PDB file of N, CA and C in Angstrom:
ATOM      1  N   MET A   1       0.834  -1.240   0.110  1.00  0.00           N
ATOM      2  CA  MET A   1      -0.006   0.012   0.022  1.00  0.00           C
ATOM      3  C   MET A   1       0.893   1.208   0.029  1.00  0.00           C
ATOM      4  N   GLU A   2       1.967   1.244   0.775  1.00  0.00           N
ATOM      5  CA  GLU A   2       2.861   2.281   0.881  1.00  0.00           C
ATOM      6  C   GLU A   2       3.552   2.690  -0.382  1.00  0.00           C
ATOM      7  N   THR A   3       3.789   1.621  -1.204  1.00  0.00           N
ATOM      8  CA  THR A   3       4.491   1.847  -2.453  1.00  0.00           C
ATOM      9  C   THR A   3       3.509   2.418  -3.509  1.00  0.00           C
ATOM     10  N   MET A   4       2.226   2.177  -3.378  1.00  0.00           N
ATOM     11  CA  MET A   4       1.205   2.835  -4.344  1.00  0.00           C
ATOM     12  C   MET A   4       1.092   4.354  -3.994  1.00  0.00           C
ATOM     13  N   THR A   5       1.085   4.660  -2.812  1.00  0.00           N
ATOM     14  CA  THR A   5       0.986   6.012  -2.244  1.00  0.00           C
ATOM     15  C   THR A   5       2.297   6.823  -2.773  1.00  0.00           C
ATOM     16  N   ARG A   6       3.394   6.242  -2.679  1.00  0.00           N
ATOM     17  CA  ARG A   6       4.643   6.913  -3.136  1.00  0.00           C
ATOM     18  C   ARG A   6       4.475   7.105  -4.644  1.00  0.00           C
ATOM     19  N   PHE A   7       4.092   6.139  -5.326  1.00  0.00           N
ATOM     20  CA  PHE A   7       3.914   6.206  -6.760  1.00  0.00           C
ATOM     21  C   PHE A   7       2.892   7.303  -7.039  1.00  0.00           C
ATOM     22  N   TYR A   8       1.896   7.472  -6.504  1.00  0.00           N
ATOM     23  CA  TYR A   8       0.801   8.495  -6.813  1.00  0.00           C
ATOM     24  C   TYR A   8       1.372   9.919  -6.410  1.00  0.00           C
ATOM     25  N   VAL A   9       2.121   9.961  -5.238  1.00  0.00           N
ATOM     26  CA  VAL A   9       2.634  11.277  -4.977  1.00  0.00           C
ATOM     27  C   VAL A   9       3.823  11.624  -5.981  1.00  0.00           C
ATOM     28  N   GLY A  10       4.514  10.823  -6.356  1.00  0.00           N
ATOM     29  CA  GLY A  10       5.651  11.043  -7.489  1.00  0.00           C
ATOM     30  C   GLY A  10       4.955  11.407  -8.723  1.00  0.00           C
ATOM     31  N   LEU A  11       3.998  10.683  -9.135  1.00  0.00           N
ATOM     32  CA  LEU A  11       3.158  11.006 -10.408  1.00  0.00           C
ATOM     33  C   LEU A  11       2.527  12.485 -10.248  1.00  0.00           C
ATOM     34  N   GLY A  12       1.951  12.769  -9.181  1.00  0.00           N
ATOM     35  CA  GLY A  12       1.412  14.138  -9.036  1.00  0.00           C
ATOM     36  C   GLY A  12       2.408  15.164  -8.959  1.00  0.00           C
ATOM     37  N   MET A  13       3.560  14.959  -8.369  1.00  0.00           N
ATOM     38  CA  MET A  13       4.566  15.932  -8.442  1.00  0.00           C
ATOM     39  C   MET A  13       5.142  16.102  -9.875  1.00  0.00           C
ATOM     40  N   LEU A  14       5.266  14.996 -10.617  1.00  0.00           N
ATOM     41  CA  LEU A  14       5.752  15.055 -12.107  1.00  0.00           C
ATOM     42  C   LEU A  14       4.747  15.836 -12.736  1.00  0.00           C
ATOM     43  N   PHE A  15       3.474  15.613 -12.449  1.00  0.00           N
ATOM     44  CA  PHE A  15       2.361  16.421 -13.224  1.00  0.00           C
ATOM     45  C   PHE A  15       2.422  17.853 -12.946  1.00  0.00           C
ATOM     46  N   VAL A  16       2.598  18.152 -11.701  1.00  0.00           N
ATOM     47  CA  VAL A  16       2.707  19.651 -11.393  1.00  0.00           C
ATOM     48  C   VAL A  16       3.907  20.307 -11.894  1.00  0.00           C
ATOM     49  N   LEU A  17       5.263  19.586 -11.969  1.00  0.00           N
ATOM     50  CA  LEU A  17       6.343  20.221 -12.616  1.00  0.00           C
ATOM     51  C   LEU A  17       6.146  20.421 -14.032  1.00  0.00           C
ATOM     52  N   THR A  18       5.468  19.437 -14.788  1.00  0.00           N
ATOM     53  CA  THR A  18       5.207  19.527 -16.139  1.00  0.00           C
ATOM     54  C   THR A  18       4.350  20.730 -16.426  1.00  0.00           C
ATOM     55  N   ILE A  19       3.301  20.957 -15.690  1.00  0.00           N
ATOM     56  CA  ILE A  19       2.364  22.093 -15.867  1.00  0.00           C
ATOM     57  C   ILE A  19       3.158  23.349 -15.677  1.00  0.00           C
ATOM     58  N   GLY A  20       3.939  23.437 -14.594  1.00  0.00           N
ATOM     59  CA  GLY A  20       4.849  24.640 -14.274  1.00  0.00           C
ATOM     60  C   GLY A  20       5.776  24.849 -15.348  1.00  0.00           C
ATOM     61  N   PHE A  21       6.333  24.011 -16.034  1.00  0.00           N
ATOM     62  CA  PHE A  21       7.255  24.144 -17.112  1.00  0.00           C
ATOM     63  C   PHE A  21       6.622  24.754 -18.312  1.00  0.00           C
ATOM     64  N   PHE A  22       5.431  24.176 -18.625  1.00  0.00           N
ATOM     65  CA  PHE A  22       4.803  24.823 -19.733  1.00  0.00           C
ATOM     66  C   PHE A  22       4.346  26.241 -19.428  1.00  0.00           C
ATOM     67  N   ILE A  23       3.921  26.648 -18.234  1.00  0.00           N
ATOM     68  CA  ILE A  23       3.580  27.943 -17.907  1.00  0.00           C
ATOM     69  C   ILE A  23       4.729  28.906 -18.001  1.00  0.00           C
ATOM     70  N   PHE A  24       5.857  28.276 -17.601  1.00  0.00           N
ATOM     71  CA  PHE A  24       7.106  29.038 -17.691  1.00  0.00           C
ATOM     72  C   PHE A  24       7.440  29.420 -19.102  1.00  0.00           C
ATOM     73  N   LEU A  25       7.326  28.334 -19.893  1.00  0.00           N
ATOM     74  CA  LEU A  25       7.682  28.578 -21.476  1.00  0.00           C
ATOM     75  C   LEU A  25       6.723  29.441 -22.095  1.00  0.00           C
ATOM     76  N   GLY A  26       5.489  29.430 -21.755  1.00  0.00           N
ATOM     77  CA  GLY A  26       4.410  30.358 -22.247  1.00  0.00           C
ATOM     78  C   GLY A  26       4.859  31.778 -21.856  1.00  0.00           C
ATOM     79  N   TYR A  27       5.130  32.028 -20.538  1.00  0.00           N
ATOM     80  CA  TYR A  27       5.557  33.359 -20.047  1.00  0.00           C
ATOM     81  C   TYR A  27       6.690  33.854 -20.824  1.00  0.00           C
ATOM     82  N   LYS A  28       7.686  33.003 -21.058  1.00  0.00           N
ATOM     83  CA  LYS A  28       8.887  33.459 -21.748  1.00  0.00           C
ATOM     84  C   LYS A  28       8.591  33.855 -23.176  1.00  0.00           C
ATOM     85  N   VAL A  29       7.767  33.041 -23.799  1.00  0.00           N
ATOM     86  CA  VAL A  29       7.482  33.277 -25.251  1.00  0.00           C
ATOM     87  C   VAL A  29       6.721  34.626 -25.300  1.00  0.00           C
ATOM     88  N   THR A  30       5.680  34.731 -24.514  1.00  0.00           N
ATOM     89  CA  THR A  30       4.955  36.041 -24.659  1.00  0.00           C
ATOM     90  C   THR A  30       5.699  37.182 -24.247  1.00  0.00           C
ATOM     91  N   HIS A  31       6.754  37.131 -23.597  1.00  0.00           N
ATOM     92  CA  HIS A  31       7.545  38.345 -23.168  1.00  0.00           C
ATOM     93  C   HIS A  31       8.798  38.460 -24.033  1.00  0.00           C
ATOM     94  N   SER A  32       8.863  37.640 -25.006  1.00  0.00           N
ATOM     95  CA  SER A  32      10.210  37.797 -25.879  1.00  0.00           C
ATOM     96  C   SER A  32      10.097  38.860 -26.911  1.00  0.00           C
ATOM     97  N   GLU A  33      11.193  39.280 -27.348  1.00  0.00           N
ATOM     98  CA  GLU A  33      11.181  40.336 -28.387  1.00  0.00           C
ATOM     99  C   GLU A  33      10.692  39.899 -29.806  1.00  0.00           C
ATOM    100  N   THR A  34      10.803  38.606 -30.171  1.00  0.00           N
ATOM    101  CA  THR A  34      10.235  38.286 -31.401  1.00  0.00           C
ATOM    102  C   THR A  34       8.721  38.262 -31.340  1.00  0.00           C
ATOM    103  N   TYR A  35       8.103  37.830 -30.288  1.00  0.00           N
ATOM    104  CA  TYR A  35       6.590  37.919 -30.022  1.00  0.00           C
ATOM    105  C   TYR A  35       6.278  39.399 -30.229  1.00  0.00           C
ATOM    106  N   ASP A  36       6.915  40.277 -29.453  1.00  0.00           N
ATOM    107  CA  ASP A  36       6.522  41.720 -29.559  1.00  0.00           C
ATOM    108  C   ASP A  36       6.714  42.291 -30.955  1.00  0.00           C
ATOM    109  N   GLU A  37       7.686  41.856 -31.749  1.00  0.00           N
ATOM    110  CA  GLU A  37       7.746  42.261 -33.070  1.00  0.00           C
ATOM    111  C   GLU A  37       6.660  41.880 -33.923  1.00  0.00           C
ATOM    112  N   PHE A  38       6.194  40.585 -33.676  1.00  0.00           N
ATOM    113  CA  PHE A  38       5.164  40.114 -34.484  1.00  0.00           C
ATOM    114  C   PHE A  38       3.831  40.815 -34.148  1.00  0.00           C
ATOM    115  N   LYS A  39       3.608  41.152 -32.842  1.00  0.00           N
ATOM    116  CA  LYS A  39       2.428  42.084 -32.489  1.00  0.00           C
ATOM    117  C   LYS A  39       2.466  43.234 -33.196  1.00  0.00           C
ATOM    118  N   LYS A  40       3.771  43.871 -33.128  1.00  0.00           N
ATOM    119  CA  LYS A  40       3.991  45.238 -33.779  1.00  0.00           C
ATOM    120  C   LYS A  40       3.735  45.132 -35.307  1.00  0.00           C
ATOM    121  N   TYR A  41       4.120  44.094 -36.038  1.00  0.00           N
ATOM    122  CA  TYR A  41       3.794  43.990 -37.428  1.00  0.00           C
ATOM    123  C   TYR A  41       2.450  43.884 -37.697  1.00  0.00           C
ATOM    124  N   ASP A  42       1.699  43.147 -36.787  1.00  0.00           N
ATOM    125  CA  ASP A  42       0.229  42.907 -36.951  1.00  0.00           C
ATOM    126  C   ASP A  42      -0.473  44.337 -36.829  1.00  0.00           C
ATOM    127  N   LEU A  43      -0.017  45.053 -35.865  1.00  0.00           N
ATOM    128  CA  LEU A  43      -0.652  46.379 -35.699  1.00  0.00           C
ATOM    129  C   LEU A  43      -0.382  47.279 -36.929  1.00  0.00           C
ATOM    130  N   GLU A  44       0.854  47.196 -37.308  1.00  0.00           N
ATOM    131  CA  GLU A  44       1.118  47.980 -38.643  1.00  0.00           C
ATOM    132  C   GLU A  44       0.313  47.671 -39.785  1.00  0.00           C
ATOM    133  N   TYR A  45       0.032  46.357 -39.912  1.00  0.00           N
ATOM    134  CA  TYR A  45      -0.818  45.990 -41.016  1.00  0.00           C
ATOM    135  C   TYR A  45      -2.270  46.444 -40.804  1.00  0.00           C
ATOM    136  N   LYS A  46      -2.755  46.265 -39.618  1.00  0.00           N
ATOM    137  CA  LYS A  46      -4.102  46.816 -39.401  1.00  0.00           C
ATOM    138  C   LYS A  46      -4.157  48.362 -39.523  1.00  0.00           C
ATOM    139  N   GLN A  47      -3.097  49.125 -39.193  1.00  0.00           N
ATOM    140  CA  GLN A  47      -3.018  50.500 -39.351  1.00  0.00           C
ATOM    141  C   GLN A  47      -2.952  50.815 -40.836  1.00  0.00           C
ATOM    142  N   CYS A  48      -2.190  50.056 -41.651  1.00  0.00           N
ATOM    143  CA  CYS A  48      -2.099  50.212 -43.011  1.00  0.00           C
ATOM    144  C   CYS A  48      -3.480  50.039 -43.753  1.00  0.00           C
ATOM    145  N   VAL A  49      -4.277  49.083 -43.336  1.00  0.00           N
ATOM    146  CA  VAL A  49      -5.463  48.699 -44.019  1.00  0.00           C
ATOM    147  C   VAL A  49      -6.491  49.712 -43.661  1.00  0.00           C
ATOM    148  N   THR A  50      -6.435  50.242 -42.378  1.00  0.00           N
ATOM    149  CA  THR A  50      -7.454  51.248 -42.077  1.00  0.00           C
ATOM    150  C   THR A  50      -7.282  52.611 -42.880  1.00  0.00           C
ATOM    151  N   GLN A  51      -5.967  52.780 -43.189  1.00  0.00           N
ATOM    152  CA  GLN A  51      -5.703  53.912 -44.092  1.00  0.00           C
ATOM    153  C   GLN A  51      -6.249  53.846 -45.614  1.00  0.00           C
ATOM    154  N   CYS A  52      -6.305  52.547 -45.854  1.00  0.00           N
ATOM    155  CA  CYS A  52      -6.886  52.229 -47.152  1.00  0.00           C
ATOM    156  C   CYS A  52      -8.315  52.696 -47.425  1.00  0.00           C
ATOM    157  N   GLY A  53      -9.009  53.019 -46.368  1.00  0.00           N
ATOM    158  CA  GLY A  53     -10.337  53.370 -46.429  1.00  0.00           C
ATOM    159  C   GLY A  53     -10.598  54.731 -47.104  1.00  0.00           C
ATOM    160  N   THR A  54      -9.573  55.600 -47.040  1.00  0.00           N
ATOM    161  CA  THR A  54      -9.689  56.872 -47.737  1.00  0.00           C
ATOM    162  C   THR A  54      -9.512  56.828 -49.141  1.00  0.00           C
ATOM    163  N   PRO A  55     -10.278  57.393 -49.936  1.00  0.00           N
ATOM    164  CA  PRO A  55     -10.206  57.256 -51.385  1.00  0.00           C
ATOM    165  C   PRO A  55      -8.946  57.765 -51.981  1.00  0.00           C
ATOM    166  N   SER A  56      -8.361  57.234 -52.945  1.00  0.00           N
ATOM    167  CA  SER A  56      -7.233  57.859 -53.529  1.00  0.00           C
ATOM    168  C   SER A  56      -7.328  57.691 -55.118  1.00  0.00           C
ATOM    169  N   VAL A  57      -6.799  58.560 -55.780  1.00  0.00           N
ATOM    170  CA  VAL A  57      -6.814  58.562 -57.216  1.00  0.00           C
ATOM    171  C   VAL A  57      -5.674  57.619 -57.657  1.00  0.00           C
ATOM    172  N   ILE A  58      -4.675  57.480 -56.957  1.00  0.00           N
ATOM    173  CA  ILE A  58      -3.496  56.800 -57.323  1.00  0.00           C
ATOM    174  C   ILE A  58      -3.768  55.215 -57.224  1.00  0.00           C
ATOM    175  N   GLU A  59      -4.449  54.659 -56.255  1.00  0.00           N
ATOM    176  CA  GLU A  59      -4.618  53.138 -56.214  1.00  0.00           C
ATOM    177  C   GLU A  59      -6.046  52.909 -55.615  1.00  0.00           C
ATOM    178  N   THR A  60      -6.574  51.750 -56.028  1.00  0.00           N
ATOM    179  CA  THR A  60      -7.899  51.450 -55.599  1.00  0.00           C
ATOM    180  C   THR A  60      -7.757  50.735 -54.198  1.00  0.00           C
ATOM    181  N   GLN A  61      -8.892  50.557 -53.531  1.00  0.00           N
ATOM    182  CA  GLN A  61      -8.919  49.871 -52.215  1.00  0.00           C
ATOM    183  C   GLN A  61      -8.240  48.642 -52.228  1.00  0.00           C
ATOM    184  N   GLN A  62      -8.447  47.779 -53.141  1.00  0.00           N
ATOM    185  CA  GLN A  62      -7.875  46.479 -53.381  1.00  0.00           C
ATOM    186  C   GLN A  62      -6.473  46.465 -53.486  1.00  0.00           C
ATOM    187  N   GLU A  63      -5.973  47.379 -54.337  1.00  0.00           N
ATOM    188  CA  GLU A  63      -4.564  47.601 -54.461  1.00  0.00           C
ATOM    189  C   GLU A  63      -3.850  47.902 -53.270  1.00  0.00           C
ATOM    190  N   CYS A  64      -4.497  48.883 -52.475  1.00  0.00           N
ATOM    191  CA  CYS A  64      -3.869  49.279 -51.160  1.00  0.00           C
ATOM    192  C   CYS A  64      -3.882  48.143 -50.203  1.00  0.00           C
ATOM    193  N   GLU A  65      -4.914  47.381 -50.020  1.00  0.00           N
ATOM    194  CA  GLU A  65      -4.911  46.215 -49.058  1.00  0.00           C
ATOM    195  C   GLU A  65      -3.906  45.204 -49.663  1.00  0.00           C
ATOM    196  N   ASP A  66      -3.793  44.896 -50.965  1.00  0.00           N
ATOM    197  CA  ASP A  66      -2.707  44.007 -51.395  1.00  0.00           C
ATOM    198  C   ASP A  66      -1.274  44.513 -51.047  1.00  0.00           C
ATOM    199  N   LYS A  67      -1.133  45.756 -51.164  1.00  0.00           N
ATOM    200  CA  LYS A  67       0.238  46.311 -50.902  1.00  0.00           C
ATOM    201  C   LYS A  67       0.504  46.130 -49.439  1.00  0.00           C
ATOM    202  N   CYS A  68      -0.559  46.249 -48.511  1.00  0.00           N
ATOM    203  CA  CYS A  68      -0.312  46.165 -47.168  1.00  0.00           C
ATOM    204  C   CYS A  68       0.011  44.751 -46.724  1.00  0.00           C
ATOM    205  N   LYS A  69      -0.659  43.828 -47.491  1.00  0.00           N
ATOM    206  CA  LYS A  69      -0.498  42.401 -47.184  1.00  0.00           C
ATOM    207  C   LYS A  69       0.926  41.980 -47.622  1.00  0.00           C
ATOM    208  N   LEU A  70       1.247  42.469 -48.849  1.00  0.00           N
ATOM    209  CA  LEU A  70       2.669  42.069 -49.198  1.00  0.00           C
ATOM    210  C   LEU A  70       3.754  42.755 -48.355  1.00  0.00           C
ATOM    211  N   ASP A  71       3.596  43.850 -47.826  1.00  0.00           N
ATOM    212  CA  ASP A  71       4.401  44.534 -46.953  1.00  0.00           C
ATOM    213  C   ASP A  71       4.562  43.718 -45.671  1.00  0.00           C
ATOM    214  N   TYR A  72       3.280  43.351 -45.116  1.00  0.00           N
ATOM    215  CA  TYR A  72       3.217  42.492 -43.881  1.00  0.00           C
ATOM    216  C   TYR A  72       4.024  41.204 -44.027  1.00  0.00           C
ATOM    217  N   GLU A  73       3.694  40.508 -45.130  1.00  0.00           N
ATOM    218  CA  GLU A  73       4.382  39.247 -45.347  1.00  0.00           C
ATOM    219  C   GLU A  73       5.940  39.442 -45.460  1.00  0.00           C
ATOM    220  N   TRP A  74       6.362  40.541 -46.165  1.00  0.00           N
ATOM    221  CA  TRP A  74       7.733  40.679 -46.294  1.00  0.00           C
ATOM    222  C   TRP A  74       8.394  40.932 -44.926  1.00  0.00           C
ATOM    223  N   ARG A  75       7.838  41.689 -43.947  1.00  0.00           N
ATOM    224  CA  ARG A  75       8.375  41.998 -42.730  1.00  0.00           C
ATOM    225  C   ARG A  75       8.418  40.607 -41.796  1.00  0.00           C
ATOM    226  N   GLN A  76       7.382  39.793 -42.128  1.00  0.00           N
ATOM    227  CA  GLN A  76       7.470  38.547 -41.335  1.00  0.00           C
ATOM    228  C   GLN A  76       8.602  37.587 -41.798  1.00  0.00           C
ATOM    229  N   SER A  77       8.794  37.633 -43.156  1.00  0.00           N
ATOM    230  CA  SER A  77       9.930  36.741 -43.618  1.00  0.00           C
ATOM    231  C   SER A  77      11.373  37.268 -43.353  1.00  0.00           C
ATOM    232  N   SER A  78      11.487  38.552 -43.090  1.00  0.00           N
ATOM    233  CA  SER A  78      12.821  39.012 -42.748  1.00  0.00           C
ATOM    234  C   SER A  78      13.324  38.701 -41.314  1.00  0.00           C
TER     235      SER A  78
END
């Protein structure tokens, strides 16, 4: 009986350590520079698309959105 109790206590500790490790990794990823840069790129894309709403003689709405998308994809690949 005592060995089963030790087994379950050890299994519980392993489970808690595993969950803690994944929480730690998630925290590190969300506070990394790369994640912040992706968020910034996404905000720049949304800002670019909202500026496409103003009518322009030079380019149409679709051309403006396509340019924003290409610019966004280029920044992500860099």
